[in-house]
Amino acid sequence: MSQHDSSERTTVTLLLSHALGIAADGRVAISLKTKELGTIAFEIDQRTIDALRRDLACAETLVRYWS
């Protein structure tokens, strides 16, 4: 991450994730447990899931390259 990026974002250590059930109105969320901020959750939709999959695939490539 460049210095510019790190000043605009808070980087946290992910400890675990959990998909939360569907709400009565059809909303779905994911919960992330972090070392620094505790547990945070956010609503997701198919577009968000697709974006996360793309970004995780890219991150996995980088981790494998540097391992």
PDB file of N, CA and C in Angstrom:
ATOM      1  N   MET A   1       0.845  -1.175   0.000  1.00  0.00           N
ATOM      2  CA  MET A   1       0.000   0.000   0.000  1.00  0.00           C
ATOM      3  C   MET A   1       0.889   1.235   0.000  1.00  0.00           C
ATOM      4  N   SER A   2       0.535   2.199  -0.767  1.00  0.00           N
ATOM      5  CA  SER A   2       1.318   3.430  -0.778  1.00  0.00           C
ATOM      6  C   SER A   2       1.021   4.244   0.479  1.00  0.00           C
ATOM      7  N   GLN A   3       1.893   5.190   0.768  1.00  0.00           N
ATOM      8  CA  GLN A   3       1.690   6.059   1.929  1.00  0.00           C
ATOM      9  C   GLN A   3       0.364   6.798   1.819  1.00  0.00           C
ATOM     10  N   HIS A   4       0.021   7.245   0.612  1.00  0.00           N
ATOM     11  CA  HIS A   4      -1.240   7.956   0.397  1.00  0.00           C
ATOM     12  C   HIS A   4      -2.431   7.071   0.770  1.00  0.00           C
ATOM     13  N   ASP A   5      -2.404   5.816   0.337  1.00  0.00           N
ATOM     14  CA  ASP A   5      -3.510   4.906   0.637  1.00  0.00           C
ATOM     15  C   ASP A   5      -3.636   4.655   2.133  1.00  0.00           C
ATOM     16  N   SER A   6      -2.531   4.438   2.813  1.00  0.00           N
ATOM     17  CA  SER A   6      -2.609   4.098   4.229  1.00  0.00           C
ATOM     18  C   SER A   6      -3.126   5.253   5.080  1.00  0.00           C
ATOM     19  N   SER A   7      -2.970   6.492   4.617  1.00  0.00           N
ATOM     20  CA  SER A   7      -3.464   7.617   5.404  1.00  0.00           C
ATOM     21  C   SER A   7      -4.970   7.789   5.269  1.00  0.00           C
ATOM     22  N   GLU A   8      -5.572   7.166   4.280  1.00  0.00           N
ATOM     23  CA  GLU A   8      -7.007   7.296   4.057  1.00  0.00           C
ATOM     24  C   GLU A   8      -7.796   6.071   4.516  1.00  0.00           C
ATOM     25  N   ARG A   9      -7.101   5.012   4.881  1.00  0.00           N
ATOM     26  CA  ARG A   9      -7.768   3.771   5.261  1.00  0.00           C
ATOM     27  C   ARG A   9      -7.226   3.274   6.593  1.00  0.00           C
ATOM     28  N   THR A  10      -8.071   2.572   7.306  1.00  0.00           N
ATOM     29  CA  THR A  10      -7.629   1.871   8.494  1.00  0.00           C
ATOM     30  C   THR A  10      -7.449   0.409   8.109  1.00  0.00           C
ATOM     31  N   THR A  11      -6.251  -0.107   8.289  1.00  0.00           N
ATOM     32  CA  THR A  11      -5.989  -1.513   7.995  1.00  0.00           C
ATOM     33  C   THR A  11      -6.149  -2.300   9.278  1.00  0.00           C
ATOM     34  N   VAL A  12      -6.904  -3.386   9.201  1.00  0.00           N
ATOM     35  CA  VAL A  12      -7.157  -4.221  10.367  1.00  0.00           C
ATOM     36  C   VAL A  12      -6.735  -5.650  10.068  1.00  0.00           C
ATOM     37  N   THR A  13      -6.557  -6.426  11.116  1.00  0.00           N
ATOM     38  CA  THR A  13      -6.214  -7.837  10.997  1.00  0.00           C
ATOM     39  C   THR A  13      -7.487  -8.658  11.102  1.00  0.00           C
ATOM     40  N   LEU A  14      -7.819  -9.374  10.039  1.00  0.00           N
ATOM     41  CA  LEU A  14      -9.035 -10.191  10.023  1.00  0.00           C
ATOM     42  C   LEU A  14      -8.783 -11.492  10.761  1.00  0.00           C
ATOM     43  N   LEU A  15      -9.619 -11.774  11.744  1.00  0.00           N
ATOM     44  CA  LEU A  15      -9.498 -12.994  12.532  1.00  0.00           C
ATOM     45  C   LEU A  15     -10.463 -14.074  12.055  1.00  0.00           C
ATOM     46  N   LEU A  16     -11.665 -13.657  11.678  1.00  0.00           N
ATOM     47  CA  LEU A  16     -12.639 -14.608  11.174  1.00  0.00           C
ATOM     48  C   LEU A  16     -13.812 -13.903  10.532  1.00  0.00           C
ATOM     49  N   SER A  17     -14.506 -14.626   9.679  1.00  0.00           N
ATOM     50  CA  SER A  17     -15.681 -14.058   9.007  1.00  0.00           C
ATOM     51  C   SER A  17     -16.842 -15.029   9.116  1.00  0.00           C
ATOM     52  N   HIS A  18     -18.043 -14.475   8.976  1.00  0.00           N
ATOM     53  CA  HIS A  18     -19.243 -15.295   9.118  1.00  0.00           C
ATOM     54  C   HIS A  18     -20.378 -14.663   8.313  1.00  0.00           C
ATOM     55  N   ALA A  19     -21.008 -15.456   7.469  1.00  0.00           N
ATOM     56  CA  ALA A  19     -22.178 -14.976   6.737  1.00  0.00           C
ATOM     57  C   ALA A  19     -23.376 -15.004   7.678  1.00  0.00           C
ATOM     58  N   LEU A  20     -24.080 -13.898   7.751  1.00  0.00           N
ATOM     59  CA  LEU A  20     -25.255 -13.809   8.611  1.00  0.00           C
ATOM     60  C   LEU A  20     -26.489 -14.177   7.814  1.00  0.00           C
ATOM     61  N   GLY A  21     -27.499 -14.665   8.470  1.00  0.00           N
ATOM     62  CA  GLY A  21     -28.722 -15.109   7.820  1.00  0.00           C
ATOM     63  C   GLY A  21     -29.465 -14.004   7.102  1.00  0.00           C
ATOM     64  N   ILE A  22     -30.416 -14.410   6.337  1.00  0.00           N
ATOM     65  CA  ILE A  22     -31.240 -13.484   5.571  1.00  0.00           C
ATOM     66  C   ILE A  22     -32.281 -12.849   6.498  1.00  0.00           C
ATOM     67  N   ALA A  23     -32.386 -11.532   6.438  1.00  0.00           N
ATOM     68  CA  ALA A  23     -33.397 -10.813   7.213  1.00  0.00           C
ATOM     69  C   ALA A  23     -34.767 -11.046   6.586  1.00  0.00           C
ATOM     70  N   ALA A  24     -35.794 -10.730   7.307  1.00  0.00           N
ATOM     71  CA  ALA A  24     -37.165 -10.924   6.823  1.00  0.00           C
ATOM     72  C   ALA A  24     -37.410 -10.203   5.501  1.00  0.00           C
ATOM     73  N   ASP A  25     -36.712  -9.095   5.285  1.00  0.00           N
ATOM     74  CA  ASP A  25     -36.893  -8.344   4.038  1.00  0.00           C
ATOM     75  C   ASP A  25     -35.906  -8.758   2.943  1.00  0.00           C
ATOM     76  N   GLY A  26     -35.153  -9.849   3.163  1.00  0.00           N
ATOM     77  CA  GLY A  26     -34.254 -10.381   2.142  1.00  0.00           C
ATOM     78  C   GLY A  26     -32.828  -9.874   2.205  1.00  0.00           C
ATOM     79  N   ARG A  27     -32.513  -9.000   3.155  1.00  0.00           N
ATOM     80  CA  ARG A  27     -31.145  -8.497   3.269  1.00  0.00           C
ATOM     81  C   ARG A  27     -30.215  -9.559   3.848  1.00  0.00           C
ATOM     82  N   VAL A  28     -28.969  -9.557   3.355  1.00  0.00           N
ATOM     83  CA  VAL A  28     -27.942 -10.493   3.820  1.00  0.00           C
ATOM     84  C   VAL A  28     -26.749  -9.669   4.291  1.00  0.00           C
ATOM     85  N   ALA A  29     -26.043 -10.171   5.296  1.00  0.00           N
ATOM     86  CA  ALA A  29     -24.885  -9.450   5.806  1.00  0.00           C
ATOM     87  C   ALA A  29     -23.730 -10.414   6.036  1.00  0.00           C
ATOM     88  N   ILE A  30     -22.548  -9.848   6.152  1.00  0.00           N
ATOM     89  CA  ILE A  30     -21.362 -10.612   6.515  1.00  0.00           C
ATOM     90  C   ILE A  30     -20.740  -9.941   7.737  1.00  0.00           C
ATOM     91  N   SER A  31     -20.282 -10.772   8.647  1.00  0.00           N
ATOM     92  CA  SER A  31     -19.666 -10.292   9.877  1.00  0.00           C
ATOM     93  C   SER A  31     -18.175 -10.591   9.813  1.00  0.00           C
ATOM     94  N   LEU A  32     -17.360  -9.603  10.171  1.00  0.00           N
ATOM     95  CA  LEU A  32     -15.916  -9.766  10.197  1.00  0.00           C
ATOM     96  C   LEU A  32     -15.407  -9.466  11.599  1.00  0.00           C
ATOM     97  N   LYS A  33     -14.687 -10.408  12.182  1.00  0.00           N
ATOM     98  CA  LYS A  33     -14.067 -10.183  13.487  1.00  0.00           C
ATOM     99  C   LYS A  33     -12.642  -9.723  13.233  1.00  0.00           C
ATOM    100  N   THR A  34     -12.313  -8.538  13.757  1.00  0.00           N
ATOM    101  CA  THR A  34     -10.979  -7.983  13.566  1.00  0.00           C
ATOM    102  C   THR A  34     -10.275  -7.827  14.904  1.00  0.00           C
ATOM    103  N   LYS A  35      -8.969  -7.864  14.848  1.00  0.00           N
ATOM    104  CA  LYS A  35      -8.168  -7.695  16.065  1.00  0.00           C
ATOM    105  C   LYS A  35      -8.324  -6.287  16.623  1.00  0.00           C
ATOM    106  N   GLU A  36      -8.318  -5.292  15.738  1.00  0.00           N
ATOM    107  CA  GLU A  36      -8.269  -3.899  16.168  1.00  0.00           C
ATOM    108  C   GLU A  36      -9.639  -3.286  16.470  1.00  0.00           C
ATOM    109  N   LEU A  37     -10.669  -3.658  15.734  1.00  0.00           N
ATOM    110  CA  LEU A  37     -11.988  -3.018  15.881  1.00  0.00           C
ATOM    111  C   LEU A  37     -13.068  -3.942  16.427  1.00  0.00           C
ATOM    112  N   GLY A  38     -12.703  -5.158  16.761  1.00  0.00           N
ATOM    113  CA  GLY A  38     -13.719  -6.114  17.192  1.00  0.00           C
ATOM    114  C   GLY A  38     -14.529  -6.592  16.006  1.00  0.00           C
ATOM    115  N   THR A  39     -15.793  -6.879  16.218  1.00  0.00           N
ATOM    116  CA  THR A  39     -16.649  -7.397  15.158  1.00  0.00           C
ATOM    117  C   THR A  39     -17.383  -6.264  14.463  1.00  0.00           C
ATOM    118  N   ILE A  40     -17.336  -6.296  13.142  1.00  0.00           N
ATOM    119  CA  ILE A  40     -18.088  -5.349  12.328  1.00  0.00           C
ATOM    120  C   ILE A  40     -18.904  -6.159  11.328  1.00  0.00           C
ATOM    121  N   ALA A  41     -20.018  -5.618  10.903  1.00  0.00           N
ATOM    122  CA  ALA A  41     -20.859  -6.320   9.934  1.00  0.00           C
ATOM    123  C   ALA A  41     -21.335  -5.321   8.893  1.00  0.00           C
ATOM    124  N   PHE A  42     -21.585  -5.825   7.687  1.00  0.00           N
ATOM    125  CA  PHE A  42     -22.116  -4.960   6.651  1.00  0.00           C
ATOM    126  C   PHE A  42     -23.016  -5.765   5.732  1.00  0.00           C
ATOM    127  N   GLU A  43     -24.006  -5.093   5.185  1.00  0.00           N
ATOM    128  CA  GLU A  43     -24.926  -5.729   4.257  1.00  0.00           C
ATOM    129  C   GLU A  43     -24.239  -5.927   2.915  1.00  0.00           C
ATOM    130  N   ILE A  44     -24.577  -7.034   2.259  1.00  0.00           N
ATOM    131  CA  ILE A  44     -24.016  -7.331   0.952  1.00  0.00           C
ATOM    132  C   ILE A  44     -25.125  -7.744  -0.007  1.00  0.00           C
ATOM    133  N   ASP A  45     -24.849  -7.557  -1.289  1.00  0.00           N
ATOM    134  CA  ASP A  45     -25.751  -8.043  -2.331  1.00  0.00           C
ATOM    135  C   ASP A  45     -24.900  -8.799  -3.346  1.00  0.00           C
ATOM    136  N   GLN A  46     -25.489  -9.284  -4.417  1.00  0.00           N
ATOM    137  CA  GLN A  46     -24.746 -10.084  -5.376  1.00  0.00           C
ATOM    138  C   GLN A  46     -23.605  -9.299  -6.013  1.00  0.00           C
ATOM    139  N   ARG A  47     -23.824  -8.030  -6.279  1.00  0.00           N
ATOM    140  CA  ARG A  47     -22.778  -7.192  -6.871  1.00  0.00           C
ATOM    141  C   ARG A  47     -21.584  -7.088  -5.929  1.00  0.00           C
ATOM    142  N   THR A  48     -21.858  -6.914  -4.653  1.00  0.00           N
ATOM    143  CA  THR A  48     -20.795  -6.824  -3.647  1.00  0.00           C
ATOM    144  C   THR A  48     -20.065  -8.156  -3.513  1.00  0.00           C
ATOM    145  N   ILE A  49     -20.802  -9.248  -3.517  1.00  0.00           N
ATOM    146  CA  ILE A  49     -20.191 -10.583  -3.429  1.00  0.00           C
ATOM    147  C   ILE A  49     -19.259 -10.810  -4.612  1.00  0.00           C
ATOM    148  N   ASP A  50     -19.699 -10.445  -5.805  1.00  0.00           N
ATOM    149  CA  ASP A  50     -18.865 -10.604  -6.999  1.00  0.00           C
ATOM    150  C   ASP A  50     -17.581  -9.782  -6.888  1.00  0.00           C
ATOM    151  N   ALA A  51     -17.694  -8.558  -6.397  1.00  0.00           N
ATOM    152  CA  ALA A  51     -16.516  -7.703  -6.233  1.00  0.00           C
ATOM    153  C   ALA A  51     -15.567  -8.300  -5.198  1.00  0.00           C
ATOM    154  N   LEU A  52     -16.097  -8.795  -4.090  1.00  0.00           N
ATOM    155  CA  LEU A  52     -15.262  -9.428  -3.070  1.00  0.00           C
ATOM    156  C   LEU A  52     -14.535 -10.643  -3.622  1.00  0.00           C
ATOM    157  N   ARG A  53     -15.231 -11.447  -4.422  1.00  0.00           N
ATOM    158  CA  ARG A  53     -14.597 -12.630  -5.024  1.00  0.00           C
ATOM    159  C   ARG A  53     -13.422 -12.229  -5.909  1.00  0.00           C
ATOM    160  N   ARG A  54     -13.614 -11.202  -6.728  1.00  0.00           N
ATOM    161  CA  ARG A  54     -12.531 -10.728  -7.599  1.00  0.00           C
ATOM    162  C   ARG A  54     -11.346 -10.238  -6.771  1.00  0.00           C
ATOM    163  N   ASP A  55     -11.635  -9.442  -5.746  1.00  0.00           N
ATOM    164  CA  ASP A  55     -10.551  -8.896  -4.926  1.00  0.00           C
ATOM    165  C   ASP A  55      -9.847  -9.982  -4.117  1.00  0.00           C
ATOM    166  N   LEU A  56     -10.591 -10.950  -3.621  1.00  0.00           N
ATOM    167  CA  LEU A  56      -9.971 -12.047  -2.874  1.00  0.00           C
ATOM    168  C   LEU A  56      -9.102 -12.907  -3.787  1.00  0.00           C
ATOM    169  N   ALA A  57      -9.527 -13.121  -5.024  1.00  0.00           N
ATOM    170  CA  ALA A  57      -8.706 -13.878  -5.975  1.00  0.00           C
ATOM    171  C   ALA A  57      -7.393 -13.151  -6.251  1.00  0.00           C
ATOM    172  N   CYS A  58      -7.462 -11.848  -6.390  1.00  0.00           N
ATOM    173  CA  CYS A  58      -6.262 -11.043  -6.607  1.00  0.00           C
ATOM    174  C   CYS A  58      -5.359 -11.112  -5.377  1.00  0.00           C
ATOM    175  N   ALA A  59      -5.929 -10.956  -4.202  1.00  0.00           N
ATOM    176  CA  ALA A  59      -5.151 -11.031  -2.959  1.00  0.00           C
ATOM    177  C   ALA A  59      -4.506 -12.406  -2.803  1.00  0.00           C
ATOM    178  N   GLU A  60      -5.242 -13.459  -3.151  1.00  0.00           N
ATOM    179  CA  GLU A  60      -4.685 -14.807  -3.053  1.00  0.00           C
ATOM    180  C   GLU A  60      -3.484 -14.968  -3.981  1.00  0.00           C
ATOM    181  N   THR A  61      -3.562 -14.415  -5.165  1.00  0.00           N
ATOM    182  CA  THR A  61      -2.440 -14.458  -6.107  1.00  0.00           C
ATOM    183  C   THR A  61      -1.221 -13.763  -5.509  1.00  0.00           C
ATOM    184  N   LEU A  62      -1.437 -12.598  -4.897  1.00  0.00           N
ATOM    185  CA  LEU A  62      -0.332 -11.860  -4.279  1.00  0.00           C
ATOM    186  C   LEU A  62       0.270 -12.625  -3.103  1.00  0.00           C
ATOM    187  N   VAL A  63      -0.573 -13.223  -2.272  1.00  0.00           N
ATOM    188  CA  VAL A  63      -0.078 -13.994  -1.127  1.00  0.00           C
ATOM    189  C   VAL A  63       0.759 -15.173  -1.610  1.00  0.00           C
ATOM    190  N   ARG A  64       0.271 -15.875  -2.615  1.00  0.00           N
ATOM    191  CA  ARG A  64       1.022 -17.023  -3.146  1.00  0.00           C
ATOM    192  C   ARG A  64       2.331 -16.584  -3.763  1.00  0.00           C
ATOM    193  N   TYR A  65       2.341 -15.454  -4.444  1.00  0.00           N
ATOM    194  CA  TYR A  65       3.550 -14.942  -5.078  1.00  0.00           C
ATOM    195  C   TYR A  65       4.609 -14.612  -4.029  1.00  0.00           C
ATOM    196  N   TRP A  66       4.187 -13.985  -2.935  1.00  0.00           N
ATOM    197  CA  TRP A  66       5.132 -13.539  -1.922  1.00  0.00           C
ATOM    198  C   TRP A  66       5.432 -14.600  -0.869  1.00  0.00           C
ATOM    199  N   SER A  67       4.769 -15.759  -0.934  1.00  0.00           N
ATOM    200  CA  SER A  67       5.015 -16.829   0.058  1.00  0.00           C
ATOM    201  C   SER A  67       6.124 -17.757  -0.377  1.00  0.00           C
TER     202      SER A  67
END
